Amino acid sequence: ISSAKRPRIHTFVGTSPLHRDMVSWANPDRKLDDILARAVEAVQLARTFTDDVEFSPMDASRTEKEYLAEIIAATIEAGATTINVPDTVGYADPQEWSELLTWLYGKVPSLRNVVLSVHCHDDLGMAVANSMAAVRAGARQVEGCINGIGERAGNASVEEVTTAARIRPDIYGVWTRVDHSQIYRTSRLVSQLTGMMVQPNKAVVGANAFAHASGIHQDGVLKNVRTFEIIDAGDVGAEQKIVLGKLSGRHAFKVRIAEMGFELGDEEFKRAFARFKRLADQKKEITDRDLESIVADEARMSTEAF
C-alpha cells in the first residue's frame, strides 16, 4: 500500500456466537477475551504500516450488543480510524439497525472521534434500506457494490445509495463526490465485465427505470416529467423511454410521430392511431419501423383517395 494515494488496511474478526464457534485458535474457556485481544493486536500491527486502519466486527447484527461495544471501544483505543459495523448475512431490519448504531454511539463515546461505516448484505432485500437508516443514525461511510453485486444476494447497491442521498437531502442531509452522470455507463461496464445482467426493473440503472408504458404515465411525463419520475434520467447518464404498446394513449403516439418528423391531418391521425392500437394488441412493443409503416400506408391511402 506504500504507493497508494489513500493507503488503508482493513482488519476484521467474527464476533457473533456462530462465528466465534468457528475460531479454533482461541482458548474455549476465554474465547471472548482471546478474540478481542487478537482484534486489538491486528489493529496495532496495521497502524505500523498506515495511519488509516479500519476494523470490522464481522456478523455484528447477530453479535451481543455489550460484546460488540466492548470490542469496538478496544479497537478504537488501539488506533482504528474507521469502525465498520457489518450486517454480514443481511439479517438486520432498518429500524433495528438504526437503533443499534444509535445505542453504540451512546455506549462508546470514542466512536464519535472516528468514521462510522456500515457494510450491508441483501439477503432479505434490505441492504440499501439498512444503509440509509445507518446514514440517518450517523454513519458516514457506506460499503457497497455497483449493481448491488456481491456474495449471495449481493451488497448494498452503490448507485441506489448515492442517488437516494442526492434526491432526499431533506432526509439524509449528506452529500457524496460521486459523478452521477457516469452511473449508468459504469453500471453497464460492470455488467459487461462480470457477465452479470442488470434486472430490467432495478432502481436507477435498470433498463425500465425510466421507461413508461402506461398511457396515464406517458401522458403525465410528456406534460411534466416530475409527475412520474423523481430522478432525471440525464442526471445518471440514462435516457427516458416512452414504450409504445397496448397501454399507450393518443398523446404518446402523437408525440412520437412528431419526433420522427411526420405530420398527419386529423383524419389521418385517427386512422393511424386506430391501426396502431390494433397492432399493439398483437405485439408487446411497437417499434419506430412499425410506426413508419403505419404512417406510410396512411399517406398512400390518402393519395389514392384523392
Protein backbone atom coordinates (compact mmCIF):
# COMPACT_ATOMS: atom_id res chain seq x y z
CA ILE A 1 0.00 0.00 0.00
CA SER A 2 3.05 2.30 0.07
CA SER A 3 2.26 3.81 -3.35
CA ALA A 4 -1.48 4.21 -2.75
CA LYS A 5 -2.88 7.76 -2.67
CA ARG A 6 -5.02 6.91 0.37
CA PRO A 7 -3.48 3.80 1.97
CA ARG A 8 -5.70 1.82 4.29
CA ILE A 9 -5.64 -1.60 5.94
CA HIS A 10 -8.94 -3.23 6.86
CA THR A 11 -8.88 -5.85 9.62
CA PHE A 12 -11.79 -7.90 10.87
CA VAL A 13 -12.77 -10.83 13.04
CA GLY A 14 -16.02 -12.75 13.50
CA THR A 15 -17.75 -11.69 16.73
CA SER A 16 -21.17 -13.38 16.75
CA PRO A 17 -21.65 -16.65 18.68
CA LEU A 18 -21.83 -18.61 15.41
CA HIS A 19 -18.60 -17.11 14.14
CA ARG A 20 -16.84 -17.45 17.48
CA ASP A 21 -17.63 -21.18 17.43
CA MET A 22 -15.56 -21.45 14.23
CA VAL A 23 -12.45 -19.90 15.80
CA SER A 24 -10.04 -22.73 16.57
CA TRP A 25 -7.09 -20.66 17.78
CA ALA A 26 -8.88 -19.16 20.80
CA ASN A 27 -9.00 -20.82 24.22
CA PRO A 28 -12.51 -22.36 24.56
CA ASP A 29 -12.71 -21.11 28.16
CA ARG A 30 -11.85 -17.50 27.27
CA LYS A 31 -12.84 -17.08 23.64
CA LEU A 32 -14.35 -13.61 24.09
CA ASP A 33 -11.13 -12.29 25.62
CA ASP A 34 -8.86 -14.02 23.09
CA ILE A 35 -10.84 -12.74 20.08
CA LEU A 36 -10.85 -9.21 21.48
CA ALA A 37 -7.10 -9.37 22.12
CA ARG A 38 -6.41 -10.62 18.60
CA ALA A 39 -8.57 -7.82 17.14
CA VAL A 40 -6.56 -5.24 19.10
CA GLU A 41 -3.24 -6.79 18.02
CA ALA A 42 -4.29 -6.73 14.36
CA VAL A 43 -5.20 -3.04 14.51
CA GLN A 44 -1.95 -2.19 16.32
CA LEU A 45 0.08 -4.08 13.71
CA ALA A 46 -1.78 -2.38 10.84
CA ARG A 47 -1.07 1.03 12.37
CA THR A 48 2.68 0.40 11.97
CA PHE A 49 2.11 0.49 8.20
CA THR A 50 -0.52 3.23 7.84
CA ASP A 51 -2.44 5.78 9.88
CA ASP A 52 -5.74 4.74 8.27
CA VAL A 53 -6.97 1.46 9.73
CA GLU A 54 -10.49 0.09 9.51
CA PHE A 55 -11.85 -2.60 11.82
CA SER A 56 -14.96 -4.73 11.39
CA PRO A 57 -16.64 -6.98 13.98
CA MET A 58 -17.97 -9.45 11.42
CA ASP A 59 -21.61 -10.54 11.74
CA ALA A 60 -22.25 -7.58 14.02
CA SER A 61 -26.02 -7.79 13.55
CA ARG A 62 -26.02 -11.16 15.36
CA THR A 63 -23.43 -10.23 17.99
CA GLU A 64 -24.35 -9.50 21.63
CA LYS A 65 -24.58 -5.72 21.98
CA GLU A 66 -22.38 -5.44 25.03
CA TYR A 67 -19.58 -7.50 23.48
CA LEU A 68 -19.92 -5.53 20.24
CA ALA A 69 -19.47 -2.27 22.14
CA GLU A 70 -16.51 -3.69 24.07
CA ILE A 71 -14.56 -4.80 21.01
CA ILE A 72 -15.31 -1.55 19.15
CA ALA A 73 -14.06 0.54 22.08
CA ALA A 74 -10.91 -1.58 22.36
CA THR A 75 -10.02 -1.35 18.66
CA ILE A 76 -10.58 2.42 18.62
CA GLU A 77 -8.20 2.73 21.55
CA ALA A 78 -5.74 0.51 19.62
CA GLY A 79 -5.77 3.00 16.73
CA ALA A 80 -8.64 2.15 14.38
CA THR A 81 -9.77 5.26 12.50
CA THR A 82 -12.83 3.71 10.84
CA ILE A 83 -15.20 1.32 12.58
CA ASN A 84 -17.27 -0.69 10.14
CA VAL A 85 -20.36 -2.39 11.57
CA PRO A 86 -21.32 -5.14 9.09
CA ASP A 87 -24.65 -6.84 8.56
CA THR A 88 -22.69 -9.71 7.09
CA VAL A 89 -25.62 -12.03 6.41
CA GLY A 90 -28.34 -9.46 5.64
CA TYR A 91 -30.16 -10.21 8.89
CA ALA A 92 -30.92 -6.70 10.13
CA ASP A 93 -34.10 -4.64 9.91
CA PRO A 94 -33.73 -0.87 9.17
CA GLN A 95 -35.25 0.29 12.46
CA GLU A 96 -33.34 -2.31 14.47
CA TRP A 97 -30.13 -1.37 12.64
CA SER A 98 -30.59 2.34 13.27
CA GLU A 99 -31.32 1.72 16.96
CA LEU A 100 -28.18 -0.43 17.30
CA LEU A 101 -25.93 2.28 15.84
CA THR A 102 -27.56 4.95 18.00
CA TRP A 103 -27.03 2.73 21.04
CA LEU A 104 -23.36 2.21 20.11
CA TYR A 105 -22.80 5.96 19.88
CA GLY A 106 -24.15 6.28 23.41
CA LYS A 107 -22.27 3.27 24.78
CA VAL A 108 -18.90 4.01 23.12
CA PRO A 109 -18.14 7.77 23.37
CA SER A 110 -14.90 7.36 21.37
CA LEU A 111 -16.97 6.24 18.37
CA ARG A 112 -17.69 9.92 17.73
CA ASN A 113 -13.98 10.51 17.07
CA VAL A 114 -13.75 8.04 14.17
CA VAL A 115 -15.69 7.33 10.97
CA LEU A 116 -18.65 5.00 11.44
CA SER A 117 -19.14 2.70 8.45
CA VAL A 118 -21.68 0.03 7.54
CA HIS A 119 -21.49 -2.96 5.23
CA CYS A 120 -24.93 -4.40 4.46
CA HIS A 121 -25.90 -7.50 2.53
CA ASP A 122 -29.18 -8.00 0.69
CA ASP A 123 -30.34 -11.44 1.81
CA LEU A 124 -33.71 -10.01 2.90
CA GLY A 125 -33.73 -7.30 0.23
CA MET A 126 -32.93 -4.54 2.75
CA ALA A 127 -29.26 -3.72 2.13
CA VAL A 128 -29.95 -0.23 0.77
CA ALA A 129 -32.69 0.46 3.34
CA ASN A 130 -30.34 -0.57 6.16
CA SER A 131 -27.51 1.51 4.70
CA MET A 132 -29.69 4.62 4.51
CA ALA A 133 -31.04 4.01 8.02
CA ALA A 134 -27.40 3.89 9.14
CA VAL A 135 -26.68 7.22 7.42
CA ARG A 136 -29.54 8.79 9.36
CA ALA A 137 -28.07 7.32 12.54
CA GLY A 138 -24.66 8.88 11.88
CA ALA A 139 -22.76 6.54 9.53
CA ARG A 140 -20.54 8.44 7.10
CA GLN A 141 -19.15 5.56 5.07
CA VAL A 142 -21.29 3.02 3.24
CA GLU A 143 -19.68 -0.03 1.69
CA GLY A 144 -21.42 -1.42 -1.37
CA CYS A 145 -21.05 -2.58 -4.95
CA ILE A 146 -22.05 -1.31 -8.38
CA ASN A 147 -25.31 -3.00 -9.43
CA GLY A 148 -25.56 -4.48 -5.93
CA ILE A 149 -23.39 -7.45 -6.87
CA GLY A 150 -21.63 -9.47 -4.16
CA GLU A 151 -21.82 -12.62 -2.08
CA ARG A 152 -25.15 -14.50 -2.14
CA ALA A 153 -27.91 -11.91 -2.72
CA GLY A 154 -25.33 -9.15 -3.07
CA ASN A 155 -24.29 -5.98 -1.26
CA ALA A 156 -25.90 -2.57 -0.99
CA SER A 157 -26.19 -1.00 -4.44
CA VAL A 158 -23.82 1.97 -4.68
CA GLU A 159 -25.93 3.75 -7.29
CA GLU A 160 -29.08 3.43 -5.19
CA VAL A 161 -27.40 4.66 -2.01
CA THR A 162 -25.78 7.69 -3.64
CA THR A 163 -28.90 8.59 -5.62
CA ALA A 164 -31.09 8.36 -2.53
CA ALA A 165 -28.74 10.74 -0.72
CA ARG A 166 -28.82 13.17 -3.67
CA ILE A 167 -32.59 13.08 -4.19
CA ARG A 168 -33.51 13.33 -0.48
CA PRO A 169 -31.11 15.78 1.20
CA ASP A 170 -34.04 16.78 3.42
CA ILE A 171 -33.98 13.29 4.93
CA TYR A 172 -30.30 12.35 4.96
CA GLY A 173 -28.52 15.72 4.99
CA VAL A 174 -25.34 14.31 3.40
CA TRP A 175 -23.56 14.54 0.07
CA THR A 176 -21.05 12.48 -1.91
CA ARG A 177 -18.41 13.26 -4.52
CA VAL A 178 -19.87 10.70 -6.93
CA ASP A 179 -20.14 11.86 -10.55
CA HIS A 180 -23.76 10.85 -11.09
CA SER A 181 -23.58 11.38 -14.85
CA GLN A 182 -21.34 8.29 -15.06
CA ILE A 183 -23.59 5.97 -13.04
CA TYR A 184 -25.47 4.38 -15.97
CA ARG A 185 -22.28 3.84 -18.03
CA THR A 186 -20.46 2.38 -15.04
CA SER A 187 -23.35 0.01 -14.37
CA ARG A 188 -23.25 -1.25 -17.95
CA LEU A 189 -19.46 -1.63 -17.85
CA VAL A 190 -19.60 -3.70 -14.66
CA SER A 191 -22.39 -5.82 -16.14
CA GLN A 192 -20.35 -6.43 -19.29
CA LEU A 193 -17.13 -7.30 -17.47
CA THR A 194 -18.73 -9.58 -14.88
CA GLY A 195 -21.31 -11.19 -17.17
CA MET A 196 -23.97 -10.43 -14.53
CA MET A 197 -27.02 -8.90 -16.16
CA VAL A 198 -28.87 -5.99 -14.55
CA GLN A 199 -32.52 -6.85 -13.93
CA PRO A 200 -34.74 -4.60 -16.10
CA ASN A 201 -36.74 -3.22 -13.17
CA LYS A 202 -33.70 -2.42 -11.00
CA ALA A 203 -33.77 1.03 -9.43
CA VAL A 204 -31.65 3.79 -11.03
CA VAL A 205 -29.86 1.67 -13.66
CA GLY A 206 -32.41 -0.92 -14.84
CA ALA A 207 -33.49 -0.85 -18.49
CA ASN A 208 -37.02 0.00 -17.36
CA ALA A 209 -36.05 2.53 -14.67
CA PHE A 210 -37.01 5.43 -16.96
CA ALA A 211 -39.36 3.58 -19.30
CA HIS A 212 -43.06 4.39 -19.34
CA ALA A 213 -45.65 2.04 -20.87
CA SER A 214 -48.91 3.07 -19.21
CA GLY A 215 -50.94 5.64 -21.10
CA ILE A 216 -51.61 7.64 -17.94
CA HIS A 217 -47.90 7.69 -17.07
CA GLN A 218 -46.87 8.59 -20.62
CA ASP A 219 -49.34 11.46 -20.77
CA GLY A 220 -48.13 12.70 -17.40
CA VAL A 221 -44.37 12.66 -18.10
CA LEU A 222 -44.86 14.24 -21.52
CA LYS A 223 -46.65 17.15 -19.85
CA ASN A 224 -44.40 17.31 -16.78
CA VAL A 225 -41.68 14.73 -16.21
CA ARG A 226 -41.94 15.14 -12.41
CA THR A 227 -45.43 13.62 -12.38
CA PHE A 228 -44.00 10.09 -12.59
CA GLU A 229 -40.21 10.49 -12.30
CA ILE A 230 -38.30 11.61 -9.22
CA ILE A 231 -34.91 11.05 -10.88
CA ASP A 232 -33.90 12.89 -14.04
CA ALA A 233 -32.66 10.18 -16.42
CA GLY A 234 -29.99 12.52 -17.79
CA ASP A 235 -28.54 13.07 -14.32
CA VAL A 236 -27.39 9.45 -14.17
CA GLY A 237 -26.42 9.26 -17.85
CA ALA A 238 -29.55 7.39 -18.95
CA GLU A 239 -32.41 8.30 -21.29
CA GLN A 240 -36.13 8.47 -20.73
CA LYS A 241 -38.01 5.94 -22.84
CA ILE A 242 -41.64 6.05 -23.86
CA VAL A 243 -42.60 2.45 -24.65
CA LEU A 244 -45.38 2.39 -27.20
CA GLY A 245 -47.71 -0.55 -26.71
CA LYS A 246 -51.29 -1.53 -25.99
CA LEU A 247 -51.47 0.71 -22.91
CA SER A 248 -50.27 3.84 -24.74
CA GLY A 249 -52.65 6.71 -25.39
CA ARG A 250 -53.05 9.31 -28.13
CA HIS A 251 -50.65 11.78 -26.54
CA ALA A 252 -47.65 9.45 -26.57
CA PHE A 253 -48.44 8.26 -30.10
CA LYS A 254 -48.77 11.82 -31.39
CA VAL A 255 -45.52 12.96 -29.76
CA ARG A 256 -43.55 10.01 -31.12
CA ILE A 257 -44.91 10.53 -34.65
CA ALA A 258 -43.92 14.20 -34.46
CA GLU A 259 -40.43 13.31 -33.15
CA MET A 260 -39.97 11.11 -36.20
CA GLY A 261 -40.77 14.07 -38.45
CA PHE A 262 -44.26 13.09 -39.64
CA GLU A 263 -47.24 15.40 -39.90
CA LEU A 264 -50.74 13.92 -40.10
CA GLY A 265 -54.08 15.61 -40.54
CA ASP A 266 -56.88 14.92 -38.07
CA GLU A 267 -58.47 12.14 -40.10
CA GLU A 268 -55.13 10.59 -40.99
CA PHE A 269 -54.12 10.67 -37.34
CA LYS A 270 -57.35 8.96 -36.26
CA ARG A 271 -56.90 6.17 -38.78
CA ALA A 272 -53.19 5.78 -37.97
CA PHE A 273 -53.92 5.65 -34.23
CA ALA A 274 -56.63 3.02 -34.78
CA ARG A 275 -54.15 0.88 -36.77
CA PHE A 276 -51.53 1.41 -34.05
CA LYS A 277 -53.93 0.14 -31.37
CA ARG A 278 -54.83 -2.93 -33.45
CA LEU A 279 -51.16 -3.72 -33.99
CA ALA A 280 -50.43 -3.13 -30.30
CA ASP A 281 -52.93 -5.89 -29.43
CA GLN A 282 -50.70 -8.27 -31.40
CA LYS A 283 -47.22 -7.00 -30.44
CA LYS A 284 -45.87 -6.18 -26.98
CA GLU A 285 -43.85 -3.18 -28.16
CA ILE A 286 -44.31 -1.06 -31.26
CA THR A 287 -41.04 -0.04 -32.92
CA ASP A 288 -40.24 3.03 -34.99
CA ARG A 289 -40.25 0.83 -38.09
CA ASP A 290 -43.81 -0.20 -37.27
CA LEU A 291 -44.78 3.46 -36.97
CA GLU A 292 -43.08 4.32 -40.25
CA SER A 293 -45.06 1.56 -41.95
CA ILE A 294 -48.35 2.78 -40.47
CA VAL A 295 -47.71 6.40 -41.49
CA ALA A 296 -46.53 5.39 -44.98
CA ASP A 297 -49.69 3.33 -45.51
CA GLU A 298 -51.87 6.25 -44.39
CA ALA A 299 -50.06 8.58 -46.77
CA ARG A 300 -50.53 6.10 -49.64
CA MET A 301 -54.24 5.62 -48.82
CA SER A 302 -54.81 9.37 -48.71
CA THR A 303 -53.15 9.82 -52.13
CA GLU A 304 -55.26 7.04 -53.65
CA ALA A 305 -58.43 8.53 -52.19
CA PHE A 306 -57.55 11.90 -53.70
